Amino acid sequence: MIRFQRVGKKNEPSFRVVLTEKRLGPQRKYLEEFGFYNPRTKTAQLKAERILYWLSKGAKASPSCHNLLVGEGVISGSKIKKGKIAAPPAAAGTEAETSAETGKIATEDKLQKTFDKEEQNE
């Protein structure tokens, strides 16, 4: 897995871009170092050829590292959004419309029952 490994002093973060085994922790020994990224100055120095080699061999990049690689032009594609993956907007809108229609039908049923009771009482 291609990921960041934090280095640097307290309140001065800097990251190495490294290849590690997925099950090992972030501060463990790494197989290969690909470069670094400094978020304070927004500078990065990457070995693009080695990154592409390992990606072709099946290595996966962490979401943050993937976004850096896309931003630096090492790989093509879109950035990965942070947080949970949301349902597509079209599907979400359809569900909302369906629940709104169900709510309208339930309200109409209640009104119909109320009118029926009033007619029976008269």
PDB file of N, CA and C in Angstrom:
ATOM      1  N   MET A   1       0.844  -1.164   0.000  1.00  0.00           N
ATOM      2  CA  MET A   1       0.000   0.000   0.000  1.00  0.00           C
ATOM      3  C   MET A   1       0.898   1.238   0.000  1.00  0.00           C
ATOM      4  N   ILE A   2       0.575   2.176  -0.853  1.00  0.00           N
ATOM      5  CA  ILE A   2       1.305   3.434  -0.909  1.00  0.00           C
ATOM      6  C   ILE A   2       0.595   4.408   0.027  1.00  0.00           C
ATOM      7  N   ARG A   3       1.320   4.915   1.009  1.00  0.00           N
ATOM      8  CA  ARG A   3       0.706   5.784   2.016  1.00  0.00           C
ATOM      9  C   ARG A   3       1.704   6.812   2.513  1.00  0.00           C
ATOM     10  N   PHE A   4       1.203   7.719   3.356  1.00  0.00           N
ATOM     11  CA  PHE A   4       2.054   8.719   3.987  1.00  0.00           C
ATOM     12  C   PHE A   4       2.630   8.148   5.282  1.00  0.00           C
ATOM     13  N   GLN A   5       3.838   8.566   5.595  1.00  0.00           N
ATOM     14  CA  GLN A   5       4.446   8.270   6.886  1.00  0.00           C
ATOM     15  C   GLN A   5       4.884   9.605   7.464  1.00  0.00           C
ATOM     16  N   ARG A   6       4.299   9.962   8.586  1.00  0.00           N
ATOM     17  CA  ARG A   6       4.582  11.279   9.156  1.00  0.00           C
ATOM     18  C   ARG A   6       5.983  11.337   9.745  1.00  0.00           C
ATOM     19  N   VAL A   7       6.679  12.404   9.410  1.00  0.00           N
ATOM     20  CA  VAL A   7       7.990  12.705   9.980  1.00  0.00           C
ATOM     21  C   VAL A   7       7.988  14.187  10.308  1.00  0.00           C
ATOM     22  N   GLY A   8       8.980  14.655  11.016  1.00  0.00           N
ATOM     23  CA  GLY A   8       9.036  16.071  11.343  1.00  0.00           C
ATOM     24  C   GLY A   8       8.697  16.328  12.789  1.00  0.00           C
ATOM     25  N   LYS A   9       8.870  17.572  13.186  1.00  0.00           N
ATOM     26  CA  LYS A   9       8.657  17.959  14.574  1.00  0.00           C
ATOM     27  C   LYS A   9       7.172  18.162  14.884  1.00  0.00           C
ATOM     28  N   LYS A  10       6.921  18.348  16.144  1.00  0.00           N
ATOM     29  CA  LYS A  10       5.575  18.663  16.621  1.00  0.00           C
ATOM     30  C   LYS A  10       5.128  19.984  15.997  1.00  0.00           C
ATOM     31  N   ASN A  11       3.925  20.028  15.484  1.00  0.00           N
ATOM     32  CA  ASN A  11       3.328  21.187  14.819  1.00  0.00           C
ATOM     33  C   ASN A  11       4.034  21.599  13.525  1.00  0.00           C
ATOM     34  N   GLU A  12       4.922  20.765  13.033  1.00  0.00           N
ATOM     35  CA  GLU A  12       5.563  20.994  11.738  1.00  0.00           C
ATOM     36  C   GLU A  12       5.532  19.703  10.938  1.00  0.00           C
ATOM     37  N   PRO A  13       4.363  19.319  10.448  1.00  0.00           N
ATOM     38  CA  PRO A  13       4.257  18.019   9.785  1.00  0.00           C
ATOM     39  C   PRO A  13       4.966  17.989   8.436  1.00  0.00           C
ATOM     40  N   SER A  14       5.478  16.835   8.141  1.00  0.00           N
ATOM     41  CA  SER A  14       6.059  16.546   6.847  1.00  0.00           C
ATOM     42  C   SER A  14       5.844  15.052   6.648  1.00  0.00           C
ATOM     43  N   PHE A  15       5.637  14.624   5.435  1.00  0.00           N
ATOM     44  CA  PHE A  15       5.299  13.229   5.193  1.00  0.00           C
ATOM     45  C   PHE A  15       6.223  12.602   4.164  1.00  0.00           C
ATOM     46  N   ARG A  16       6.596  11.355   4.394  1.00  0.00           N
ATOM     47  CA  ARG A  16       7.250  10.546   3.387  1.00  0.00           C
ATOM     48  C   ARG A  16       6.153   9.799   2.645  1.00  0.00           C
ATOM     49  N   VAL A  17       6.342   9.583   1.369  1.00  0.00           N
ATOM     50  CA  VAL A  17       5.437   8.734   0.598  1.00  0.00           C
ATOM     51  C   VAL A  17       6.166   7.406   0.469  1.00  0.00           C
ATOM     52  N   VAL A  18       5.588   6.349   1.084  1.00  0.00           N
ATOM     53  CA  VAL A  18       6.279   5.071   1.173  1.00  0.00           C
ATOM     54  C   VAL A  18       5.385   3.914   0.733  1.00  0.00           C
ATOM     55  N   LEU A  19       6.032   2.791   0.438  1.00  0.00           N
ATOM     56  CA  LEU A  19       5.335   1.547   0.138  1.00  0.00           C
ATOM     57  C   LEU A  19       5.471   0.648   1.348  1.00  0.00           C
ATOM     58  N   THR A  20       4.344   0.253   1.947  1.00  0.00           N
ATOM     59  CA  THR A  20       4.353  -0.625   3.111  1.00  0.00           C
ATOM     60  C   THR A  20       3.373  -1.758   2.891  1.00  0.00           C
ATOM     61  N   GLU A  21       3.460  -2.746   3.758  1.00  0.00           N
ATOM     62  CA  GLU A  21       2.434  -3.777   3.763  1.00  0.00           C
ATOM     63  C   GLU A  21       1.203  -3.199   4.451  1.00  0.00           C
ATOM     64  N   LYS A  22       0.041  -3.580   3.983  1.00  0.00           N
ATOM     65  CA  LYS A  22      -1.201  -2.974   4.462  1.00  0.00           C
ATOM     66  C   LYS A  22      -1.417  -3.219   5.955  1.00  0.00           C
ATOM     67  N   ARG A  23      -1.047  -4.386   6.436  1.00  0.00           N
ATOM     68  CA  ARG A  23      -1.333  -4.746   7.825  1.00  0.00           C
ATOM     69  C   ARG A  23      -0.400  -4.081   8.826  1.00  0.00           C
ATOM     70  N   LEU A  24       0.725  -3.564   8.360  1.00  0.00           N
ATOM     71  CA  LEU A  24       1.667  -2.915   9.274  1.00  0.00           C
ATOM     72  C   LEU A  24       1.219  -1.499   9.585  1.00  0.00           C
ATOM     73  N   GLY A  25       1.587  -1.020  10.754  1.00  0.00           N
ATOM     74  CA  GLY A  25       1.225   0.327  11.173  1.00  0.00           C
ATOM     75  C   GLY A  25       1.956   1.382  10.359  1.00  0.00           C
ATOM     76  N   PRO A  26       1.530   2.626  10.465  1.00  0.00           N
ATOM     77  CA  PRO A  26       2.120   3.691   9.656  1.00  0.00           C
ATOM     78  C   PRO A  26       3.568   4.012  10.005  1.00  0.00           C
ATOM     79  N   GLN A  27       4.027   3.715  11.217  1.00  0.00           N
ATOM     80  CA  GLN A  27       5.402   4.033  11.610  1.00  0.00           C
ATOM     81  C   GLN A  27       6.340   2.833  11.484  1.00  0.00           C
ATOM     82  N   ARG A  28       5.879   1.753  10.905  1.00  0.00           N
ATOM     83  CA  ARG A  28       6.700   0.554  10.742  1.00  0.00           C
ATOM     84  C   ARG A  28       7.669   0.707   9.581  1.00  0.00           C
ATOM     85  N   LYS A  29       8.492  -0.301   9.427  1.00  0.00           N
ATOM     86  CA  LYS A  29       9.471  -0.313   8.351  1.00  0.00           C
ATOM     87  C   LYS A  29       8.747  -0.353   7.009  1.00  0.00           C
ATOM     88  N   TYR A  30       9.286   0.334   6.036  1.00  0.00           N
ATOM     89  CA  TYR A  30       8.675   0.378   4.718  1.00  0.00           C
ATOM     90  C   TYR A  30       9.566  -0.329   3.709  1.00  0.00           C
ATOM     91  N   LEU A  31       8.961  -0.751   2.586  1.00  0.00           N
ATOM     92  CA  LEU A  31       9.695  -1.465   1.544  1.00  0.00           C
ATOM     93  C   LEU A  31      10.464  -0.512   0.640  1.00  0.00           C
ATOM     94  N   GLU A  32       9.834   0.627   0.312  1.00  0.00           N
ATOM     95  CA  GLU A  32      10.482   1.589  -0.572  1.00  0.00           C
ATOM     96  C   GLU A  32       9.944   2.985  -0.291  1.00  0.00           C
ATOM     97  N   GLU A  33      10.815   3.970  -0.410  1.00  0.00           N
ATOM     98  CA  GLU A  33      10.418   5.365  -0.233  1.00  0.00           C
ATOM     99  C   GLU A  33      10.309   6.009  -1.612  1.00  0.00           C
ATOM    100  N   PHE A  34       9.189   6.718  -1.850  1.00  0.00           N
ATOM    101  CA  PHE A  34       8.939   7.341  -3.153  1.00  0.00           C
ATOM    102  C   PHE A  34       9.179   8.845  -3.167  1.00  0.00           C
ATOM    103  N   GLY A  35       9.353   9.453  -2.027  1.00  0.00           N
ATOM    104  CA  GLY A  35       9.551  10.893  -1.986  1.00  0.00           C
ATOM    105  C   GLY A  35       8.952  11.468  -0.724  1.00  0.00           C
ATOM    106  N   PHE A  36       8.633  12.760  -0.760  1.00  0.00           N
ATOM    107  CA  PHE A  36       8.079  13.427   0.414  1.00  0.00           C
ATOM    108  C   PHE A  36       7.022  14.438  -0.005  1.00  0.00           C
ATOM    109  N   TYR A  37       6.244  14.877   1.014  1.00  0.00           N
ATOM    110  CA  TYR A  37       5.229  15.919   0.823  1.00  0.00           C
ATOM    111  C   TYR A  37       5.229  16.797   2.061  1.00  0.00           C
ATOM    112  N   ASN A  38       5.316  18.101   1.859  1.00  0.00           N
ATOM    113  CA  ASN A  38       5.263  19.063   2.950  1.00  0.00           C
ATOM    114  C   ASN A  38       3.959  19.851   2.806  1.00  0.00           C
ATOM    115  N   PRO A  39       2.976  19.601   3.679  1.00  0.00           N
ATOM    116  CA  PRO A  39       1.683  20.279   3.545  1.00  0.00           C
ATOM    117  C   PRO A  39       1.721  21.772   3.874  1.00  0.00           C
ATOM    118  N   ARG A  40       2.720  22.206   4.608  1.00  0.00           N
ATOM    119  CA  ARG A  40       2.801  23.629   4.959  1.00  0.00           C
ATOM    120  C   ARG A  40       3.224  24.471   3.765  1.00  0.00           C
ATOM    121  N   THR A  41       4.151  23.959   2.985  1.00  0.00           N
ATOM    122  CA  THR A  41       4.608  24.704   1.805  1.00  0.00           C
ATOM    123  C   THR A  41       3.996  24.162   0.518  1.00  0.00           C
ATOM    124  N   LYS A  42       3.234  23.091   0.642  1.00  0.00           N
ATOM    125  CA  LYS A  42       2.566  22.436  -0.496  1.00  0.00           C
ATOM    126  C   LYS A  42       3.575  21.944  -1.545  1.00  0.00           C
ATOM    127  N   THR A  43       4.751  21.541  -1.096  1.00  0.00           N
ATOM    128  CA  THR A  43       5.745  21.018  -2.019  1.00  0.00           C
ATOM    129  C   THR A  43       5.795  19.501  -1.924  1.00  0.00           C
ATOM    130  N   ALA A  44       6.043  18.872  -3.045  1.00  0.00           N
ATOM    131  CA  ALA A  44       6.162  17.425  -3.093  1.00  0.00           C
ATOM    132  C   ALA A  44       7.263  17.058  -4.078  1.00  0.00           C
ATOM    133  N   GLN A  45       7.995  16.037  -3.739  1.00  0.00           N
ATOM    134  CA  GLN A  45       8.994  15.490  -4.643  1.00  0.00           C
ATOM    135  C   GLN A  45       8.734  13.992  -4.687  1.00  0.00           C
ATOM    136  N   LEU A  46       8.377  13.479  -5.863  1.00  0.00           N
ATOM    137  CA  LEU A  46       7.960  12.088  -6.001  1.00  0.00           C
ATOM    138  C   LEU A  46       8.727  11.392  -7.115  1.00  0.00           C
ATOM    139  N   LYS A  47       8.952  10.099  -6.933  1.00  0.00           N
ATOM    140  CA  LYS A  47       9.552   9.259  -7.967  1.00  0.00           C
ATOM    141  C   LYS A  47       8.401   8.630  -8.753  1.00  0.00           C
ATOM    142  N   ALA A  48       7.970   9.305  -9.802  1.00  0.00           N
ATOM    143  CA  ALA A  48       6.777   8.898 -10.547  1.00  0.00           C
ATOM    144  C   ALA A  48       6.940   7.521 -11.187  1.00  0.00           C
ATOM    145  N   GLU A  49       8.118   7.232 -11.720  1.00  0.00           N
ATOM    146  CA  GLU A  49       8.320   5.944 -12.390  1.00  0.00           C
ATOM    147  C   GLU A  49       8.138   4.782 -11.423  1.00  0.00           C
ATOM    148  N   ARG A  50       8.689   4.902 -10.222  1.00  0.00           N
ATOM    149  CA  ARG A  50       8.576   3.814  -9.244  1.00  0.00           C
ATOM    150  C   ARG A  50       7.142   3.679  -8.739  1.00  0.00           C
ATOM    151  N   ILE A  51       6.454   4.798  -8.577  1.00  0.00           N
ATOM    152  CA  ILE A  51       5.058   4.743  -8.138  1.00  0.00           C
ATOM    153  C   ILE A  51       4.213   4.030  -9.182  1.00  0.00           C
ATOM    154  N   LEU A  52       4.384   4.393 -10.444  1.00  0.00           N
ATOM    155  CA  LEU A  52       3.627   3.743 -11.511  1.00  0.00           C
ATOM    156  C   LEU A  52       3.970   2.264 -11.612  1.00  0.00           C
ATOM    157  N   TYR A  53       5.230   1.913 -11.376  1.00  0.00           N
ATOM    158  CA  TYR A  53       5.636   0.508 -11.409  1.00  0.00           C
ATOM    159  C   TYR A  53       4.876  -0.285 -10.353  1.00  0.00           C
ATOM    160  N   TRP A  54       4.849   0.211  -9.114  1.00  0.00           N
ATOM    161  CA  TRP A  54       4.190  -0.520  -8.040  1.00  0.00           C
ATOM    162  C   TRP A  54       2.666  -0.528  -8.206  1.00  0.00           C
ATOM    163  N   LEU A  55       2.100   0.535  -8.744  1.00  0.00           N
ATOM    164  CA  LEU A  55       0.664   0.525  -9.021  1.00  0.00           C
ATOM    165  C   LEU A  55       0.325  -0.509 -10.081  1.00  0.00           C
ATOM    166  N   SER A  56       1.214  -0.694 -11.063  1.00  0.00           N
ATOM    167  CA  SER A  56       0.980  -1.713 -12.097  1.00  0.00           C
ATOM    168  C   SER A  56       1.097  -3.119 -11.522  1.00  0.00           C
ATOM    169  N   LYS A  57       1.846  -3.282 -10.436  1.00  0.00           N
ATOM    170  CA  LYS A  57       1.998  -4.577  -9.778  1.00  0.00           C
ATOM    171  C   LYS A  57       0.851  -4.870  -8.813  1.00  0.00           C
ATOM    172  N   GLY A  58      -0.071  -3.925  -8.643  1.00  0.00           N
ATOM    173  CA  GLY A  58      -1.244  -4.171  -7.802  1.00  0.00           C
ATOM    174  C   GLY A  58      -1.269  -3.416  -6.491  1.00  0.00           C
ATOM    175  N   ALA A  59      -0.306  -2.574  -6.241  1.00  0.00           N
ATOM    176  CA  ALA A  59      -0.319  -1.783  -5.004  1.00  0.00           C
ATOM    177  C   ALA A  59      -1.451  -0.756  -5.076  1.00  0.00           C
ATOM    178  N   LYS A  60      -2.058  -0.487  -3.937  1.00  0.00           N
ATOM    179  CA  LYS A  60      -3.122   0.508  -3.849  1.00  0.00           C
ATOM    180  C   LYS A  60      -2.599   1.718  -3.084  1.00  0.00           C
ATOM    181  N   ALA A  61      -3.100   2.881  -3.438  1.00  0.00           N
ATOM    182  CA  ALA A  61      -2.733   4.107  -2.728  1.00  0.00           C
ATOM    183  C   ALA A  61      -3.831   4.446  -1.724  1.00  0.00           C
ATOM    184  N   SER A  62      -3.435   4.962  -0.566  1.00  0.00           N
ATOM    185  CA  SER A  62      -4.424   5.416   0.412  1.00  0.00           C
ATOM    186  C   SER A  62      -5.167   6.603  -0.196  1.00  0.00           C
ATOM    187  N   PRO A  63      -6.371   6.911   0.286  1.00  0.00           N
ATOM    188  CA  PRO A  63      -7.124   8.027  -0.306  1.00  0.00           C
ATOM    189  C   PRO A  63      -6.363   9.350  -0.318  1.00  0.00           C
ATOM    190  N   SER A  64      -5.688   9.691   0.772  1.00  0.00           N
ATOM    191  CA  SER A  64      -4.940  10.954   0.815  1.00  0.00           C
ATOM    192  C   SER A  64      -3.771  10.930  -0.160  1.00  0.00           C
ATOM    193  N   CYS A  65      -3.082   9.810  -0.208  1.00  0.00           N
ATOM    194  CA  CYS A  65      -1.945   9.689  -1.112  1.00  0.00           C
ATOM    195  C   CYS A  65      -2.424   9.683  -2.569  1.00  0.00           C
ATOM    196  N   HIS A  66      -3.563   9.047  -2.819  1.00  0.00           N
ATOM    197  CA  HIS A  66      -4.144   9.041  -4.165  1.00  0.00           C
ATOM    198  C   HIS A  66      -4.432  10.470  -4.622  1.00  0.00           C
ATOM    199  N   ASN A  67      -5.007  11.282  -3.732  1.00  0.00           N
ATOM    200  CA  ASN A  67      -5.315  12.670  -4.073  1.00  0.00           C
ATOM    201  C   ASN A  67      -4.054  13.470  -4.374  1.00  0.00           C
ATOM    202  N   LEU A  68      -2.978  13.199  -3.638  1.00  0.00           N
ATOM    203  CA  LEU A  68      -1.709  13.873  -3.912  1.00  0.00           C
ATOM    204  C   LEU A  68      -1.183  13.460  -5.285  1.00  0.00           C
ATOM    205  N   LEU A  69      -1.248  12.168  -5.602  1.00  0.00           N
ATOM    206  CA  LEU A  69      -0.746  11.684  -6.883  1.00  0.00           C
ATOM    207  C   LEU A  69      -1.543  12.269  -8.048  1.00  0.00           C
ATOM    208  N   VAL A  70      -2.846  12.420  -7.875  1.00  0.00           N
ATOM    209  CA  VAL A  70      -3.676  13.040  -8.914  1.00  0.00           C
ATOM    210  C   VAL A  70      -3.322  14.518  -9.043  1.00  0.00           C
ATOM    211  N   GLY A  71      -3.170  15.194  -7.920  1.00  0.00           N
ATOM    212  CA  GLY A  71      -2.834  16.620  -7.930  1.00  0.00           C
ATOM    213  C   GLY A  71      -1.480  16.907  -8.560  1.00  0.00           C
ATOM    214  N   GLU A  72      -0.526  16.013  -8.377  1.00  0.00           N
ATOM    215  CA  GLU A  72       0.814  16.196  -8.941  1.00  0.00           C
ATOM    216  C   GLU A  72       0.903  15.689 -10.384  1.00  0.00           C
ATOM    217  N   GLY A  73      -0.145  15.039 -10.874  1.00  0.00           N
ATOM    218  CA  GLY A  73      -0.160  14.569 -12.255  1.00  0.00           C
ATOM    219  C   GLY A  73       0.549  13.244 -12.477  1.00  0.00           C
ATOM    220  N   VAL A  74       0.825  12.517 -11.404  1.00  0.00           N
ATOM    221  CA  VAL A  74       1.480  11.213 -11.538  1.00  0.00           C
ATOM    222  C   VAL A  74       0.501  10.202 -12.114  1.00  0.00           C
ATOM    223  N   ILE A  75      -0.739  10.221 -11.633  1.00  0.00           N
ATOM    224  CA  ILE A  75      -1.786   9.355 -12.161  1.00  0.00           C
ATOM    225  C   ILE A  75      -2.954  10.220 -12.602  1.00  0.00           C
ATOM    226  N   SER A  76      -3.773   9.668 -13.470  1.00  0.00           N
ATOM    227  CA  SER A  76      -4.950  10.408 -13.925  1.00  0.00           C
ATOM    228  C   SER A  76      -6.178   9.875 -13.204  1.00  0.00           C
ATOM    229  N   GLY A  77      -7.219  10.648 -13.184  1.00  0.00           N
ATOM    230  CA  GLY A  77      -8.450  10.255 -12.524  1.00  0.00           C
ATOM    231  C   GLY A  77      -8.962  11.394 -11.672  1.00  0.00           C
ATOM    232  N   SER A  78      -9.979  11.087 -10.894  1.00  0.00           N
ATOM    233  CA  SER A  78     -10.558  12.117 -10.029  1.00  0.00           C
ATOM    234  C   SER A  78     -10.122  11.870  -8.599  1.00  0.00           C
ATOM    235  N   LYS A  79     -10.164  12.911  -7.815  1.00  0.00           N
ATOM    236  CA  LYS A  79      -9.790  12.799  -6.417  1.00  0.00           C
ATOM    237  C   LYS A  79     -10.875  12.070  -5.648  1.00  0.00           C
ATOM    238  N   ILE A  80     -10.475  11.464  -4.537  1.00  0.00           N
ATOM    239  CA  ILE A  80     -11.403  10.734  -3.686  1.00  0.00           C
ATOM    240  C   ILE A  80     -11.887  11.680  -2.597  1.00  0.00           C
ATOM    241  N   LYS A  81     -13.203  11.741  -2.400  1.00  0.00           N
ATOM    242  CA  LYS A  81     -13.756  12.612  -1.370  1.00  0.00           C
ATOM    243  C   LYS A  81     -13.557  11.994   0.002  1.00  0.00           C
ATOM    244  N   LYS A  82     -13.402  12.844   1.000  1.00  0.00           N
ATOM    245  CA  LYS A  82     -13.233  12.370   2.367  1.00  0.00           C
ATOM    246  C   LYS A  82     -14.569  11.918   2.920  1.00  0.00           C
ATOM    247  N   GLY A  83     -14.552  11.015   3.855  1.00  0.00           N
ATOM    248  CA  GLY A  83     -15.757  10.566   4.519  1.00  0.00           C
ATOM    249  C   GLY A  83     -16.414   9.412   3.815  1.00  0.00           C
ATOM    250  N   LYS A  84     -17.643   9.153   4.181  1.00  0.00           N
ATOM    251  CA  LYS A  84     -18.376   8.023   3.631  1.00  0.00           C
ATOM    252  C   LYS A  84     -18.772   8.283   2.183  1.00  0.00           C
ATOM    253  N   ILE A  85     -18.917   7.204   1.456  1.00  0.00           N
ATOM    254  CA  ILE A  85     -19.346   7.299   0.070  1.00  0.00           C
ATOM    255  C   ILE A  85     -20.865   7.444   0.068  1.00  0.00           C
ATOM    256  N   ALA A  86     -21.363   8.503  -0.523  1.00  0.00           N
ATOM    257  CA  ALA A  86     -22.796   8.776  -0.552  1.00  0.00           C
ATOM    258  C   ALA A  86     -23.436   8.111  -1.759  1.00  0.00           C
ATOM    259  N   ALA A  87     -24.740   7.911  -1.679  1.00  0.00           N
ATOM    260  CA  ALA A  87     -25.475   7.362  -2.803  1.00  0.00           C
ATOM    261  C   ALA A  87     -25.505   8.379  -3.929  1.00  0.00           C
ATOM    262  N   PRO A  88     -25.611   7.931  -5.163  1.00  0.00           N
ATOM    263  CA  PRO A  88     -25.678   8.876  -6.279  1.00  0.00           C
ATOM    264  C   PRO A  88     -26.873   9.813  -6.119  1.00  0.00           C
ATOM    265  N   PRO A  89     -26.768  11.066  -6.542  1.00  0.00           N
ATOM    266  CA  PRO A  89     -27.844  12.031  -6.347  1.00  0.00           C
ATOM    267  C   PRO A  89     -29.160  11.594  -6.981  1.00  0.00           C
ATOM    268  N   ALA A  90     -29.120  10.943  -8.133  1.00  0.00           N
ATOM    269  CA  ALA A  90     -30.355  10.523  -8.802  1.00  0.00           C
ATOM    270  C   ALA A  90     -31.111   9.520  -7.948  1.00  0.00           C
ATOM    271  N   ALA A  91     -30.392   8.562  -7.368  1.00  0.00           N
ATOM    272  CA  ALA A  91     -31.031   7.549  -6.543  1.00  0.00           C
ATOM    273  C   ALA A  91     -31.585   8.174  -5.270  1.00  0.00           C
ATOM    274  N   ALA A  92     -30.841   9.090  -4.685  1.00  0.00           N
ATOM    275  CA  ALA A  92     -31.300   9.742  -3.458  1.00  0.00           C
ATOM    276  C   ALA A  92     -32.562  10.559  -3.726  1.00  0.00           C
ATOM    277  N   GLY A  93     -32.626  11.247  -4.856  1.00  0.00           N
ATOM    278  CA  GLY A  93     -33.796  12.038  -5.204  1.00  0.00           C
ATOM    279  C   GLY A  93     -35.014  11.165  -5.431  1.00  0.00           C
ATOM    280  N   THR A  94     -34.821  10.017  -6.044  1.00  0.00           N
ATOM    281  CA  THR A  94     -35.926   9.099  -6.292  1.00  0.00           C
ATOM    282  C   THR A  94     -36.496   8.596  -4.983  1.00  0.00           C
ATOM    283  N   GLU A  95     -35.628   8.241  -4.035  1.00  0.00           N
ATOM    284  CA  GLU A  95     -36.104   7.767  -2.742  1.00  0.00           C
ATOM    285  C   GLU A  95     -36.862   8.869  -2.007  1.00  0.00           C
ATOM    286  N   ALA A  96     -36.375  10.089  -2.106  1.00  0.00           N
ATOM    287  CA  ALA A  96     -37.028  11.201  -1.428  1.00  0.00           C
ATOM    288  C   ALA A  96     -38.418  11.437  -2.022  1.00  0.00           C
ATOM    289  N   GLU A  97     -38.502  11.383  -3.349  1.00  0.00           N
ATOM    290  CA  GLU A  97     -39.792  11.572  -3.995  1.00  0.00           C
ATOM    291  C   GLU A  97     -40.763  10.462  -3.599  1.00  0.00           C
ATOM    292  N   THR A  98     -40.269   9.234  -3.529  1.00  0.00           N
ATOM    293  CA  THR A  98     -41.119   8.104  -3.160  1.00  0.00           C
ATOM    294  C   THR A  98     -41.634   8.261  -1.742  1.00  0.00           C
ATOM    295  N   SER A  99     -40.755   8.648  -0.807  1.00  0.00           N
ATOM    296  CA  SER A  99     -41.186   8.815   0.575  1.00  0.00           C
ATOM    297  C   SER A  99     -42.159   9.991   0.697  1.00  0.00           C
ATOM    298  N   ALA A 100     -41.965  11.045  -0.097  1.00  0.00           N
ATOM    299  CA  ALA A 100     -42.878  12.184  -0.075  1.00  0.00           C
ATOM    300  C   ALA A 100     -44.255  11.764  -0.589  1.00  0.00           C
ATOM    301  N   GLU A 101     -44.273  10.960  -1.655  1.00  0.00           N
ATOM    302  CA  GLU A 101     -45.541  10.485  -2.198  1.00  0.00           C
ATOM    303  C   GLU A 101     -46.255   9.587  -1.194  1.00  0.00           C
ATOM    304  N   THR A 102     -45.484   8.730  -0.505  1.00  0.00           N
ATOM    305  CA  THR A 102     -46.066   7.852   0.500  1.00  0.00           C
ATOM    306  C   THR A 102     -46.668   8.669   1.625  1.00  0.00           C
ATOM    307  N   GLY A 103     -45.980   9.742   2.031  1.00  0.00           N
ATOM    308  CA  GLY A 103     -46.498  10.624   3.078  1.00  0.00           C
ATOM    309  C   GLY A 103     -47.785  11.301   2.640  1.00  0.00           C
ATOM    310  N   LYS A 104     -47.868  11.718   1.363  1.00  0.00           N
ATOM    311  CA  LYS A 104     -49.082  12.346   0.844  1.00  0.00           C
ATOM    312  C   LYS A 104     -50.239  11.361   0.852  1.00  0.00           C
ATOM    313  N   ILE A 105     -49.961  10.131   0.450  1.00  0.00           N
ATOM    314  CA  ILE A 105     -51.011   9.107   0.407  1.00  0.00           C
ATOM    315  C   ILE A 105     -51.515   8.817   1.806  1.00  0.00           C
ATOM    316  N   ALA A 106     -50.593   8.717   2.787  1.00  0.00           N
ATOM    317  CA  ALA A 106     -50.993   8.447   4.166  1.00  0.00           C
ATOM    318  C   ALA A 106     -51.862   9.579   4.695  1.00  0.00           C
ATOM    319  N   THR A 107     -51.520  10.826   4.383  1.00  0.00           N
ATOM    320  CA  THR A 107     -52.300  11.979   4.831  1.00  0.00           C
ATOM    321  C   THR A 107     -53.683  11.954   4.194  1.00  0.00           C
ATOM    322  N   GLU A 108     -53.757  11.646   2.909  1.00  0.00           N
ATOM    323  CA  GLU A 108     -55.048  11.566   2.231  1.00  0.00           C
ATOM    324  C   GLU A 108     -55.915  10.459   2.810  1.00  0.00           C
ATOM    325  N   ASP A 109     -55.299   9.319   3.174  1.00  0.00           N
ATOM    326  CA  ASP A 109     -56.056   8.228   3.791  1.00  0.00           C
ATOM    327  C   ASP A 109     -56.642   8.645   5.132  1.00  0.00           C
ATOM    328  N   LYS A 110     -55.855   9.375   5.928  1.00  0.00           N
ATOM    329  CA  LYS A 110     -56.341   9.840   7.226  1.00  0.00           C
ATOM    330  C   LYS A 110     -57.518  10.795   7.055  1.00  0.00           C
ATOM    331  N   LEU A 111     -57.406  11.706   6.084  1.00  0.00           N
ATOM    332  CA  LEU A 111     -58.499  12.643   5.841  1.00  0.00           C
ATOM    333  C   LEU A 111     -59.755  11.909   5.388  1.00  0.00           C
ATOM    334  N   GLN A 112     -59.577  10.919   4.524  1.00  0.00           N
ATOM    335  CA  GLN A 112     -60.730  10.154   4.025  1.00  0.00           C
ATOM    336  C   GLN A 112     -61.415   9.427   5.179  1.00  0.00           C
ATOM    337  N   LYS A 113     -60.646   8.835   6.091  1.00  0.00           N
ATOM    338  CA  LYS A 113     -61.226   8.133   7.235  1.00  0.00           C
ATOM    339  C   LYS A 113     -61.993   9.107   8.130  1.00  0.00           C
ATOM    340  N   THR A 114     -61.441  10.321   8.312  1.00  0.00           N
ATOM    341  CA  THR A 114     -62.101  11.332   9.131  1.00  0.00           C
ATOM    342  C   THR A 114     -63.441  11.719   8.512  1.00  0.00           C
ATOM    343  N   PHE A 115     -63.478  11.942   7.201  1.00  0.00           N
ATOM    344  CA  PHE A 115     -64.732  12.289   6.530  1.00  0.00           C
ATOM    345  C   PHE A 115     -65.724  11.144   6.595  1.00  0.00           C
ATOM    346  N   ASP A 116     -65.263   9.905   6.464  1.00  0.00           N
ATOM    347  CA  ASP A 116     -66.159   8.746   6.540  1.00  0.00           C
ATOM    348  C   ASP A 116     -66.816   8.647   7.913  1.00  0.00           C
ATOM    349  N   LYS A 117     -66.043   8.914   8.988  1.00  0.00           N
ATOM    350  CA  LYS A 117     -66.591   8.854  10.335  1.00  0.00           C
ATOM    351  C   LYS A 117     -67.640   9.926  10.547  1.00  0.00           C
ATOM    352  N   GLU A 118     -67.369  11.116  10.012  1.00  0.00           N
ATOM    353  CA  GLU A 118     -68.327  12.225  10.147  1.00  0.00           C
ATOM    354  C   GLU A 118     -69.628  11.886   9.429  1.00  0.00           C
ATOM    355  N   GLU A 119     -69.543  11.253   8.258  1.00  0.00           N
ATOM    356  CA  GLU A 119     -70.743  10.893   7.515  1.00  0.00           C
ATOM    357  C   GLU A 119     -71.540   9.832   8.236  1.00  0.00           C
ATOM    358  N   GLN A 120     -70.866   8.903   8.897  1.00  0.00           N
ATOM    359  CA  GLN A 120     -71.541   7.842   9.641  1.00  0.00           C
ATOM    360  C   GLN A 120     -72.259   8.405  10.856  1.00  0.00           C
ATOM    361  N   ASN A 121     -71.700   9.422  11.481  1.00  0.00           N
ATOM    362  CA  ASN A 121     -72.296  10.013  12.655  1.00  0.00           C
ATOM    363  C   ASN A 121     -73.524  10.840  12.302  1.00  0.00           C
ATOM    364  N   GLU A 122     -73.657  11.322  11.094  1.00  0.00           N
ATOM    365  CA  GLU A 122     -74.797  12.155  10.718  1.00  0.00           C
ATOM    366  C   GLU A 122     -75.996  11.383  10.418  1.00  0.00           C
TER     367      GLU A 122
END
